[in-house]
Amino acid sequence: MWSFIQVYLQLGFQHITDPEGYDHMLFLLALVAPYLWFKKKTLLWLVTAFTLGHSLTLALAVLDIFRMDPNLVETLIPVTILITAVVNLIGQYRSFANHPALKYVLTTAFGLIHGLGFSTFFREMISDDMELLSALLCFNIGLELGQLLILCAILLLSYGVNRFMRTKPETFNALYSLLAIALAVHLLVA
């Protein structure tokens, strides 16, 4: 039983931390850009909203309750990154873009899309006779552990840069958001 759990935890963890699938890491970067270590409570709620969204569609898609064309999902994922980063930049000048309700709704909705991206990968590796729900739970926990690692890495890097350069939060938001925009556009045209 432990080897079963370990296999799916590891698959979930590796899927989100795989450098070739950096779109999920890029979304996390765009998501946390305005908050970093300054607003831990808001950051925690946003990451939770994303997790709820992607966990729901991952389960629905894997259980064959809801499906979407994988090509459309792969196109929508960079769009979610692009929109998140643009909203971050607008938020520096217009307060409506920083409204918590808007951020949580967008993040949950974008989590739904990212969950569909995870489901395509997960569905490709399962067979009909395996314990689907247990595998799904372990895979999702592995994804979350990987997501937390990525989040911690972003926060530590940002904190380190801030300690040495005394950079303003607005500067981090602009730099991270512009980087996310550039890479999201690259994903869309590639």
Protein backbone atom coordinates (compact mmCIF):
# COMPACT_ATOMS: atom_id res chain seq x y z
CA MET A 1 0.00 0.00 0.00
CA TRP A 2 2.83 2.42 0.87
CA SER A 3 4.45 1.94 -2.53
CA PHE A 4 1.11 2.79 -4.22
CA ILE A 5 0.83 6.00 -2.18
CA GLN A 6 4.46 6.86 -2.77
CA VAL A 7 4.19 6.37 -6.54
CA TYR A 8 1.24 8.74 -6.93
CA LEU A 9 2.56 11.30 -4.47
CA GLN A 10 5.79 11.35 -6.45
CA LEU A 11 3.99 11.58 -9.80
CA GLY A 12 1.95 14.57 -8.63
CA PHE A 13 5.00 16.26 -7.14
CA GLN A 14 7.10 15.66 -10.27
CA HIS A 15 4.33 16.82 -12.58
CA ILE A 16 4.06 20.28 -11.03
CA THR A 17 7.80 20.72 -10.46
CA ASP A 18 8.87 19.52 -13.92
CA PRO A 19 10.81 22.39 -15.55
CA GLU A 20 9.41 21.43 -18.96
CA GLY A 21 5.90 22.07 -17.65
CA TYR A 22 6.77 25.44 -16.21
CA ASP A 23 3.34 26.89 -16.98
CA HIS A 24 2.03 25.90 -13.54
CA MET A 25 5.07 27.43 -11.83
CA LEU A 26 4.61 30.54 -13.91
CA PHE A 27 0.99 30.85 -12.81
CA LEU A 28 2.10 30.64 -9.17
CA LEU A 29 4.67 33.35 -9.82
CA ALA A 30 2.02 35.61 -11.34
CA LEU A 31 -0.42 34.78 -8.55
CA VAL A 32 1.94 35.73 -5.73
CA ALA A 33 3.61 38.72 -7.42
CA PRO A 34 1.61 41.44 -5.62
CA TYR A 35 1.75 39.75 -2.21
CA LEU A 36 5.04 37.93 -1.69
CA TRP A 37 5.86 37.84 2.01
CA PHE A 38 4.05 41.12 2.78
CA LYS A 39 0.50 39.79 2.85
CA LYS A 40 0.74 36.20 4.04
CA LYS A 41 -2.96 35.80 4.88
CA THR A 42 -4.13 36.98 1.45
CA LEU A 43 -1.51 34.82 -0.21
CA LEU A 44 -2.65 31.78 1.76
CA TRP A 45 -6.28 32.31 0.76
CA LEU A 46 -5.38 32.79 -2.91
CA VAL A 47 -3.32 29.61 -3.03
CA THR A 48 -6.19 27.79 -1.28
CA ALA A 49 -8.68 29.12 -3.85
CA PHE A 50 -6.43 27.90 -6.67
CA THR A 51 -6.07 24.51 -4.98
CA LEU A 52 -9.83 24.12 -4.57
CA GLY A 53 -10.41 25.00 -8.21
CA HIS A 54 -7.86 22.64 -9.67
CA SER A 55 -8.70 19.82 -7.25
CA LEU A 56 -12.36 19.98 -8.27
CA THR A 57 -11.80 19.80 -12.02
CA LEU A 58 -9.02 17.25 -11.65
CA ALA A 59 -11.45 14.95 -9.85
CA LEU A 60 -14.36 15.64 -12.23
CA ALA A 61 -12.25 15.07 -15.33
CA VAL A 62 -10.53 11.95 -14.06
CA LEU A 63 -13.87 10.48 -12.99
CA ASP A 64 -15.11 11.29 -16.52
CA ILE A 65 -17.84 13.62 -15.28
CA PHE A 66 -16.45 16.64 -17.12
CA ARG A 67 -13.97 16.87 -19.97
CA MET A 68 -12.60 19.58 -22.20
CA ASP A 69 -10.49 19.40 -25.31
CA PRO A 70 -6.87 19.14 -24.08
CA ASN A 71 -5.69 21.50 -26.85
CA LEU A 72 -8.12 24.16 -25.65
CA VAL A 73 -6.99 23.66 -22.05
CA GLU A 74 -3.33 24.00 -23.07
CA THR A 75 -4.22 27.29 -24.78
CA LEU A 76 -6.25 28.57 -21.82
CA ILE A 77 -3.50 27.94 -19.25
CA PRO A 78 -1.16 30.66 -20.61
CA VAL A 79 -4.21 32.93 -20.97
CA THR A 80 -4.83 32.53 -17.21
CA ILE A 81 -1.22 33.50 -16.55
CA LEU A 82 -1.50 36.50 -18.86
CA ILE A 83 -4.75 37.74 -17.27
CA THR A 84 -3.40 37.27 -13.74
CA ALA A 85 -0.26 39.24 -14.53
CA VAL A 86 -2.17 42.03 -16.29
CA VAL A 87 -4.58 42.32 -13.33
CA ASN A 88 -1.53 42.59 -11.06
CA LEU A 89 -0.17 45.51 -13.08
CA ILE A 90 -3.55 47.24 -13.28
CA GLY A 91 -3.86 46.80 -9.52
CA GLN A 92 -0.86 49.06 -8.98
CA TYR A 93 -2.88 51.94 -10.46
CA ARG A 94 -6.54 51.00 -10.03
CA SER A 95 -7.88 49.70 -6.74
CA PHE A 96 -10.76 47.71 -8.30
CA ALA A 97 -8.22 45.20 -9.64
CA ASN A 98 -7.08 44.48 -6.07
CA HIS A 99 -10.55 43.79 -4.71
CA PRO A 100 -10.30 40.49 -2.78
CA ALA A 101 -13.52 39.08 -4.26
CA LEU A 102 -12.24 39.62 -7.81
CA LYS A 103 -8.90 38.00 -6.98
CA TYR A 104 -10.50 34.96 -5.32
CA VAL A 105 -13.04 34.42 -8.11
CA LEU A 106 -10.39 34.72 -10.83
CA THR A 107 -7.97 32.47 -8.96
CA THR A 108 -10.58 29.77 -8.36
CA ALA A 109 -11.73 29.93 -11.98
CA PHE A 110 -8.16 29.71 -13.22
CA GLY A 111 -7.58 26.80 -10.85
CA LEU A 112 -10.45 25.01 -12.59
CA ILE A 113 -8.63 25.39 -15.90
CA HIS A 114 -5.29 24.25 -14.50
CA GLY A 115 -6.99 21.20 -12.95
CA LEU A 116 -8.11 20.18 -16.42
CA GLY A 117 -4.48 20.41 -17.53
CA PHE A 118 -3.44 18.11 -14.69
CA SER A 119 -6.27 15.70 -15.54
CA THR A 120 -4.97 15.13 -19.06
CA PHE A 121 -1.64 13.99 -17.64
CA PHE A 122 -3.26 11.91 -14.90
CA ARG A 123 -5.73 10.23 -17.27
CA GLU A 124 -2.90 9.17 -19.60
CA MET A 125 -1.13 7.22 -16.88
CA ILE A 126 -4.02 5.32 -15.24
CA SER A 127 -5.50 2.00 -16.18
CA ASP A 128 -9.13 0.97 -15.79
CA ASP A 129 -8.61 -1.50 -12.99
CA MET A 130 -6.61 0.56 -10.52
CA GLU A 131 -7.92 2.22 -7.37
CA LEU A 132 -8.78 5.48 -9.08
CA LEU A 133 -9.90 7.57 -6.10
CA SER A 134 -6.89 6.61 -3.97
CA ALA A 135 -4.53 7.34 -6.84
CA LEU A 136 -6.27 10.65 -7.48
CA LEU A 137 -6.00 11.69 -3.83
CA CYS A 138 -2.30 10.77 -3.63
CA PHE A 139 -1.55 12.50 -6.95
CA ASN A 140 -3.33 15.66 -5.79
CA ILE A 141 -1.47 15.67 -2.47
CA GLY A 142 1.79 15.35 -4.42
CA LEU A 143 0.75 18.31 -6.58
CA GLU A 144 0.04 20.37 -3.49
CA LEU A 145 3.38 19.49 -1.90
CA GLY A 146 5.13 20.52 -5.11
CA GLN A 147 3.11 23.72 -5.26
CA LEU A 148 4.11 24.56 -1.69
CA LEU A 149 7.76 23.96 -2.55
CA ILE A 150 7.52 26.29 -5.55
CA LEU A 151 5.72 28.91 -3.48
CA CYS A 152 8.39 28.72 -0.77
CA ALA A 153 11.15 29.04 -3.38
CA ILE A 154 9.52 32.15 -4.88
CA LEU A 155 9.05 33.70 -1.45
CA LEU A 156 12.59 32.91 -0.31
CA LEU A 157 14.11 34.30 -3.50
CA SER A 158 12.03 37.45 -3.19
CA TYR A 159 12.88 37.85 0.47
CA GLY A 160 16.59 37.40 -0.24
CA VAL A 161 16.55 39.95 -3.05
CA ASN A 162 14.63 42.39 -0.87
CA ARG A 163 17.10 42.00 2.03
CA PHE A 164 20.03 42.94 -0.20
CA MET A 165 18.42 45.42 -2.57
CA ARG A 166 15.61 46.93 -0.46
CA THR A 167 13.20 46.59 -3.35
CA LYS A 168 9.65 47.91 -3.00
CA PRO A 169 6.74 45.44 -3.26
CA GLU A 170 5.49 47.33 -6.34
CA THR A 171 8.79 46.64 -8.07
CA PHE A 172 8.51 42.90 -7.41
CA ASN A 173 4.94 42.94 -8.67
CA ALA A 174 5.95 44.72 -11.86
CA LEU A 175 9.01 42.55 -12.52
CA TYR A 176 7.30 39.22 -11.78
CA SER A 177 4.16 40.22 -13.67
CA LEU A 178 6.09 41.40 -16.74
CA LEU A 179 8.14 38.18 -16.71
CA ALA A 180 4.92 36.17 -16.48
CA ILE A 181 3.39 38.13 -19.37
CA ALA A 182 6.43 37.58 -21.58
CA LEU A 183 6.55 33.83 -20.88
CA ALA A 184 2.75 33.44 -21.24
CA VAL A 185 2.89 35.13 -24.65
CA HIS A 186 5.76 32.78 -25.58
CA LEU A 187 3.62 29.78 -24.54
CA LEU A 188 0.71 31.08 -26.63
CA VAL A 189 2.72 31.58 -29.82
CA ALA A 190 5.01 28.55 -29.46
